[in-house]
């Protein structure tokens, strides 16, 4: 069976946690940060779990993750 290609854009965005869950970054922390509270920016800095409905698509994009 031939090797499968990884989607490089997805490889830069997702990673696996220690327990095997798919993790992603949160949105809305790229610009206009001066009017967002430090609490909000701190919350957005943390990783979030990929929703179970999207996880299947991410798995297909990253066959060796």
PDB file of N, CA and C in Angstrom:
ATOM      1  N   UNK A   1       0.847  -1.184   0.000  1.00  0.00           N
ATOM      2  CA  UNK A   1       0.000   0.000   0.000  1.00  0.00           C
ATOM      3  C   UNK A   1       0.892   1.248   0.000  1.00  0.00           C
ATOM      4  N   UNK A   2       0.572   2.232  -0.826  1.00  0.00           N
ATOM      5  CA  UNK A   2       1.434   3.415  -0.893  1.00  0.00           C
ATOM      6  C   UNK A   2       1.319   4.272   0.361  1.00  0.00           C
ATOM      7  N   UNK A   3       2.338   5.087   0.532  1.00  0.00           N
ATOM      8  CA  UNK A   3       2.314   6.003   1.668  1.00  0.00           C
ATOM      9  C   UNK A   3       1.236   7.059   1.439  1.00  0.00           C
ATOM     10  N   UNK A   4       0.646   7.534   2.521  1.00  0.00           N
ATOM     11  CA  UNK A   4      -0.383   8.566   2.438  1.00  0.00           C
ATOM     12  C   UNK A   4       0.240   9.927   2.684  1.00  0.00           C
ATOM     13  N   UNK A   5      -0.254  10.932   2.001  1.00  0.00           N
ATOM     14  CA  UNK A   5       0.269  12.281   2.176  1.00  0.00           C
ATOM     15  C   UNK A   5      -0.460  13.005   3.302  1.00  0.00           C
ATOM     16  N   UNK A   6       0.316  13.757   4.058  1.00  0.00           N
ATOM     17  CA  UNK A   6      -0.232  14.602   5.114  1.00  0.00           C
ATOM     18  C   UNK A   6      -0.575  15.955   4.527  1.00  0.00           C
ATOM     19  N   UNK A   7      -1.707  16.508   4.910  1.00  0.00           N
ATOM     20  CA  UNK A   7      -2.036  17.883   4.520  1.00  0.00           C
ATOM     21  C   UNK A   7      -1.232  18.813   5.411  1.00  0.00           C
ATOM     22  N   UNK A   8      -0.269  19.523   4.823  1.00  0.00           N
ATOM     23  CA  UNK A   8       0.674  20.307   5.615  1.00  0.00           C
ATOM     24  C   UNK A   8      -0.007  21.458   6.344  1.00  0.00           C
ATOM     25  N   UNK A   9      -1.068  22.008   5.757  1.00  0.00           N
ATOM     26  CA  UNK A   9      -1.776  23.089   6.443  1.00  0.00           C
ATOM     27  C   UNK A   9      -2.400  22.583   7.739  1.00  0.00           C
ATOM     28  N   UNK A  10      -2.910  21.364   7.722  1.00  0.00           N
ATOM     29  CA  UNK A  10      -3.510  20.783   8.922  1.00  0.00           C
ATOM     30  C   UNK A  10      -2.428  20.399   9.934  1.00  0.00           C
ATOM     31  N   UNK A  11      -1.274  19.970   9.446  1.00  0.00           N
ATOM     32  CA  UNK A  11      -0.194  19.568  10.340  1.00  0.00           C
ATOM     33  C   UNK A  11       0.291  20.745  11.180  1.00  0.00           C
ATOM     34  N   UNK A  12       0.181  21.950  10.639  1.00  0.00           N
ATOM     35  CA  UNK A  12       0.604  23.145  11.371  1.00  0.00           C
ATOM     36  C   UNK A  12      -0.439  23.582  12.394  1.00  0.00           C
ATOM     37  N   UNK A  13      -1.674  23.132  12.266  1.00  0.00           N
ATOM     38  CA  UNK A  13      -2.766  23.628  13.102  1.00  0.00           C
ATOM     39  C   UNK A  13      -3.187  22.688  14.216  1.00  0.00           C
ATOM     40  N   UNK A  14      -2.930  21.399  14.061  1.00  0.00           N
ATOM     41  CA  UNK A  14      -3.433  20.426  15.032  1.00  0.00           C
ATOM     42  C   UNK A  14      -2.300  19.601  15.605  1.00  0.00           C
ATOM     43  N   UNK A  15      -2.496  19.152  16.849  1.00  0.00           N
ATOM     44  CA  UNK A  15      -1.572  18.197  17.446  1.00  0.00           C
ATOM     45  C   UNK A  15      -2.328  17.322  18.424  1.00  0.00           C
ATOM     46  N   UNK A  16      -1.657  16.279  18.877  1.00  0.00           N
ATOM     47  CA  UNK A  16      -2.281  15.327  19.779  1.00  0.00           C
ATOM     48  C   UNK A  16      -1.901  15.620  21.218  1.00  0.00           C
ATOM     49  N   UNK A  17      -2.858  15.451  22.111  1.00  0.00           N
ATOM     50  CA  UNK A  17      -2.572  15.612  23.534  1.00  0.00           C
ATOM     51  C   UNK A  17      -1.980  14.309  24.053  1.00  0.00           C
ATOM     52  N   UNK A  18      -1.570  14.336  25.301  1.00  0.00           N
ATOM     53  CA  UNK A  18      -0.988  13.137  25.895  1.00  0.00           C
ATOM     54  C   UNK A  18      -1.956  11.978  25.966  1.00  0.00           C
ATOM     55  N   UNK A  19      -3.246  12.299  26.112  1.00  0.00           N
ATOM     56  CA  UNK A  19      -4.253  11.235  26.186  1.00  0.00           C
ATOM     57  C   UNK A  19      -4.789  10.836  24.815  1.00  0.00           C
ATOM     58  N   UNK A  20      -4.278  11.471  23.746  1.00  0.00           N
ATOM     59  CA  UNK A  20      -4.654  11.070  22.387  1.00  0.00           C
ATOM     60  C   UNK A  20      -5.721  11.913  21.744  1.00  0.00           C
ATOM     61  N   UNK A  21      -6.182  12.980  22.421  1.00  0.00           N
ATOM     62  CA  UNK A  21      -7.202  13.839  21.830  1.00  0.00           C
ATOM     63  C   UNK A  21      -6.559  14.815  20.856  1.00  0.00           C
ATOM     64  N   UNK A  22      -7.334  15.254  19.874  1.00  0.00           N
ATOM     65  CA  UNK A  22      -6.848  16.250  18.925  1.00  0.00           C
ATOM     66  C   UNK A  22      -7.045  17.638  19.521  1.00  0.00           C
ATOM     67  N   UNK A  23      -5.999  18.448  19.478  1.00  0.00           N
ATOM     68  CA  UNK A  23      -6.051  19.782  20.059  1.00  0.00           C
ATOM     69  C   UNK A  23      -5.877  20.837  18.971  1.00  0.00           C
ATOM     70  N   UNK A  24      -6.480  22.005  19.214  1.00  0.00           N
ATOM     71  CA  UNK A  24      -6.407  23.117  18.274  1.00  0.00           C
ATOM     72  C   UNK A  24      -6.214  24.406  19.043  1.00  0.00           C
ATOM     73  N   UNK A  25      -5.814  25.455  18.322  1.00  0.00           N
ATOM     74  CA  UNK A  25      -5.726  26.778  18.925  1.00  0.00           C
ATOM     75  C   UNK A  25      -7.084  27.453  18.860  1.00  0.00           C
ATOM     76  N   UNK A  26      -7.299  28.429  19.729  1.00  0.00           N
ATOM     77  CA  UNK A  26      -8.558  29.160  19.717  1.00  0.00           C
ATOM     78  C   UNK A  26      -8.466  30.348  18.776  1.00  0.00           C
ATOM     79  N   UNK A  27      -9.618  30.768  18.264  1.00  0.00           N
ATOM     80  CA  UNK A  27      -9.687  31.886  17.333  1.00  0.00           C
ATOM     81  C   UNK A  27      -9.720  33.214  18.086  1.00  0.00           C
ATOM     82  N   UNK A  28      -9.625  34.305  17.346  1.00  0.00           N
ATOM     83  CA  UNK A  28      -9.788  35.684  17.838  1.00  0.00           C
ATOM     84  C   UNK A  28      -8.627  36.193  18.684  1.00  0.00           C
ATOM     85  N   UNK A  29      -7.419  35.697  18.456  1.00  0.00           N
ATOM     86  CA  UNK A  29      -6.279  36.265  19.192  1.00  0.00           C
ATOM     87  C   UNK A  29      -5.174  36.667  18.224  1.00  0.00           C
ATOM     88  N   UNK A  30      -5.544  37.281  17.103  1.00  0.00           N
ATOM     89  CA  UNK A  30      -4.552  37.681  16.114  1.00  0.00           C
ATOM     90  C   UNK A  30      -4.327  39.179  16.059  1.00  0.00           C
ATOM     91  N   UNK A  31      -5.372  39.966  16.184  1.00  0.00           N
ATOM     92  CA  UNK A  31      -5.192  41.415  16.046  1.00  0.00           C
ATOM     93  C   UNK A  31      -6.225  42.130  16.904  1.00  0.00           C
ATOM     94  N   UNK A  32      -6.088  43.434  16.992  1.00  0.00           N
ATOM     95  CA  UNK A  32      -6.973  44.269  17.821  1.00  0.00           C
ATOM     96  C   UNK A  32      -6.959  43.779  19.267  1.00  0.00           C
ATOM     97  N   UNK A  33      -5.767  43.526  19.787  1.00  0.00           N
ATOM     98  CA  UNK A  33      -5.642  42.953  21.120  1.00  0.00           C
ATOM     99  C   UNK A  33      -5.699  44.010  22.212  1.00  0.00           C
ATOM    100  N   UNK A  34      -5.525  45.274  21.854  1.00  0.00           N
ATOM    101  CA  UNK A  34      -5.450  46.288  22.907  1.00  0.00           C
ATOM    102  C   UNK A  34      -6.789  46.537  23.584  1.00  0.00           C
ATOM    103  N   UNK A  35      -7.897  46.216  22.929  1.00  0.00           N
ATOM    104  CA  UNK A  35      -9.194  46.426  23.579  1.00  0.00           C
ATOM    105  C   UNK A  35      -9.763  45.160  24.199  1.00  0.00           C
ATOM    106  N   UNK A  36      -9.047  44.043  24.069  1.00  0.00           N
ATOM    107  CA  UNK A  36      -9.477  42.811  24.727  1.00  0.00           C
ATOM    108  C   UNK A  36      -8.820  42.734  26.099  1.00  0.00           C
ATOM    109  N   UNK A  37      -9.565  42.251  27.067  1.00  0.00           N
ATOM    110  CA  UNK A  37      -9.026  42.182  28.428  1.00  0.00           C
ATOM    111  C   UNK A  37      -7.936  41.112  28.497  1.00  0.00           C
ATOM    112  N   UNK A  38      -7.050  41.261  29.473  1.00  0.00           N
ATOM    113  CA  UNK A  38      -5.968  40.294  29.631  1.00  0.00           C
ATOM    114  C   UNK A  38      -6.522  38.928  30.010  1.00  0.00           C
ATOM    115  N   UNK A  39      -7.644  38.910  30.730  1.00  0.00           N
ATOM    116  CA  UNK A  39      -8.279  37.633  31.076  1.00  0.00           C
ATOM    117  C   UNK A  39      -8.746  36.911  29.823  1.00  0.00           C
ATOM    118  N   UNK A  40      -9.363  37.686  28.929  1.00  0.00           N
ATOM    119  CA  UNK A  40      -9.863  37.104  27.690  1.00  0.00           C
ATOM    120  C   UNK A  40      -8.717  36.609  26.816  1.00  0.00           C
ATOM    121  N   UNK A  41      -7.648  37.386  26.732  1.00  0.00           N
ATOM    122  CA  UNK A  41      -6.495  36.975  25.933  1.00  0.00           C
ATOM    123  C   UNK A  41      -5.839  35.735  26.519  1.00  0.00           C
ATOM    124  N   UNK A  42      -5.817  35.659  27.831  1.00  0.00           N
ATOM    125  CA  UNK A  42      -5.245  34.488  28.496  1.00  0.00           C
ATOM    126  C   UNK A  42      -6.065  33.242  28.188  1.00  0.00           C
ATOM    127  N   UNK A  43      -7.385  33.375  28.235  1.00  0.00           N
ATOM    128  CA  UNK A  43      -8.272  32.246  27.896  1.00  0.00           C
ATOM    129  C   UNK A  43      -8.071  31.799  26.457  1.00  0.00           C
ATOM    130  N   UNK A  44      -7.887  32.757  25.540  1.00  0.00           N
ATOM    131  CA  UNK A  44      -7.732  32.422  24.133  1.00  0.00           C
ATOM    132  C   UNK A  44      -6.378  31.791  23.829  1.00  0.00           C
ATOM    133  N   UNK A  45      -5.417  31.953  24.739  1.00  0.00           N
ATOM    134  CA  UNK A  45      -4.083  31.395  24.514  1.00  0.00           C
ATOM    135  C   UNK A  45      -4.047  29.887  24.708  1.00  0.00           C
ATOM    136  N   UNK A  46      -4.979  29.378  25.473  1.00  0.00           N
ATOM    137  CA  UNK A  46      -4.966  27.949  25.791  1.00  0.00           C
ATOM    138  C   UNK A  46      -5.439  27.111  24.599  1.00  0.00           C
ATOM    139  N   UNK A  47      -5.057  25.854  24.614  1.00  0.00           N
ATOM    140  CA  UNK A  47      -5.497  24.930  23.573  1.00  0.00           C
ATOM    141  C   UNK A  47      -6.905  24.437  23.864  1.00  0.00           C
ATOM    142  N   UNK A  48      -7.617  24.082  22.818  1.00  0.00           N
ATOM    143  CA  UNK A  48      -8.962  23.537  22.950  1.00  0.00           C
ATOM    144  C   UNK A  48      -9.016  22.201  22.217  1.00  0.00           C
ATOM    145  N   UNK A  49      -9.929  21.377  22.642  1.00  0.00           N
ATOM    146  CA  UNK A  49     -10.106  20.070  21.999  1.00  0.00           C
ATOM    147  C   UNK A  49     -10.920  20.243  20.723  1.00  0.00           C
ATOM    148  N   UNK A  50     -10.559  19.505  19.683  1.00  0.00           N
ATOM    149  CA  UNK A  50     -11.325  19.512  18.435  1.00  0.00           C
ATOM    150  C   UNK A  50     -12.648  18.808  18.688  1.00  0.00           C
ATOM    151  N   UNK A  51     -13.733  19.380  18.200  1.00  0.00           N
ATOM    152  CA  UNK A  51     -15.056  18.798  18.401  1.00  0.00           C
ATOM    153  C   UNK A  51     -15.126  17.424  17.747  1.00  0.00           C
ATOM    154  N   UNK A  52     -15.886  16.530  18.356  1.00  0.00           N
ATOM    155  CA  UNK A  52     -15.940  15.140  17.871  1.00  0.00           C
ATOM    156  C   UNK A  52     -16.448  15.034  16.434  1.00  0.00           C
ATOM    157  N   UNK A  53     -17.290  15.983  16.010  1.00  0.00           N
ATOM    158  CA  UNK A  53     -17.789  15.933  14.635  1.00  0.00           C
ATOM    159  C   UNK A  53     -16.719  16.339  13.626  1.00  0.00           C
ATOM    160  N   UNK A  54     -15.763  17.158  14.052  1.00  0.00           N
ATOM    161  CA  UNK A  54     -14.691  17.585  13.154  1.00  0.00           C
ATOM    162  C   UNK A  54     -13.480  16.673  13.240  1.00  0.00           C
ATOM    163  N   UNK A  55     -13.381  15.909  14.303  1.00  0.00           N
ATOM    164  CA  UNK A  55     -12.196  15.096  14.540  1.00  0.00           C
ATOM    165  C   UNK A  55     -11.967  14.080  13.421  1.00  0.00           C
ATOM    166  N   UNK A  56     -13.024  13.534  12.877  1.00  0.00           N
ATOM    167  CA  UNK A  56     -12.887  12.534  11.809  1.00  0.00           C
ATOM    168  C   UNK A  56     -12.211  13.128  10.583  1.00  0.00           C
ATOM    169  N   UNK A  57     -12.593  14.364  10.213  1.00  0.00           N
ATOM    170  CA  UNK A  57     -11.967  15.024   9.067  1.00  0.00           C
ATOM    171  C   UNK A  57     -10.501  15.322   9.333  1.00  0.00           C
ATOM    172  N   UNK A  58     -10.195  15.737  10.552  1.00  0.00           N
ATOM    173  CA  UNK A  58      -8.802  16.039  10.896  1.00  0.00           C
ATOM    174  C   UNK A  58      -7.965  14.767  10.839  1.00  0.00           C
ATOM    175  N   UNK A  59      -8.524  13.657  11.302  1.00  0.00           N
ATOM    176  CA  UNK A  59      -7.807  12.380  11.254  1.00  0.00           C
ATOM    177  C   UNK A  59      -7.467  11.994   9.817  1.00  0.00           C
ATOM    178  N   UNK A  60      -8.388  12.256   8.886  1.00  0.00           N
ATOM    179  CA  UNK A  60      -8.139  11.925   7.488  1.00  0.00           C
ATOM    180  C   UNK A  60      -7.037  12.801   6.897  1.00  0.00           C
ATOM    181  N   UNK A  61      -6.956  14.046   7.356  1.00  0.00           N
ATOM    182  CA  UNK A  61      -5.941  14.957   6.839  1.00  0.00           C
ATOM    183  C   UNK A  61      -4.558  14.639   7.397  1.00  0.00           C
ATOM    184  N   UNK A  62      -4.517  13.987   8.564  1.00  0.00           N
ATOM    185  CA  UNK A  62      -3.256  13.688   9.248  1.00  0.00           C
ATOM    186  C   UNK A  62      -3.155  12.196   9.521  1.00  0.00           C
ATOM    187  N   UNK A  63      -2.843  11.404   8.516  1.00  0.00           N
ATOM    188  CA  UNK A  63      -2.878   9.948   8.692  1.00  0.00           C
ATOM    189  C   UNK A  63      -1.843   9.419   9.684  1.00  0.00           C
ATOM    190  N   UNK A  64      -0.753  10.145   9.926  1.00  0.00           N
ATOM    191  CA  UNK A  64       0.301   9.629  10.800  1.00  0.00           C
ATOM    192  C   UNK A  64       0.418  10.396  12.107  1.00  0.00           C
ATOM    193  N   UNK A  65      -0.581  11.186  12.452  1.00  0.00           N
ATOM    194  CA  UNK A  65      -0.535  11.962  13.695  1.00  0.00           C
ATOM    195  C   UNK A  65      -0.827  11.058  14.879  1.00  0.00           C
TER     196      UNK A  65
END
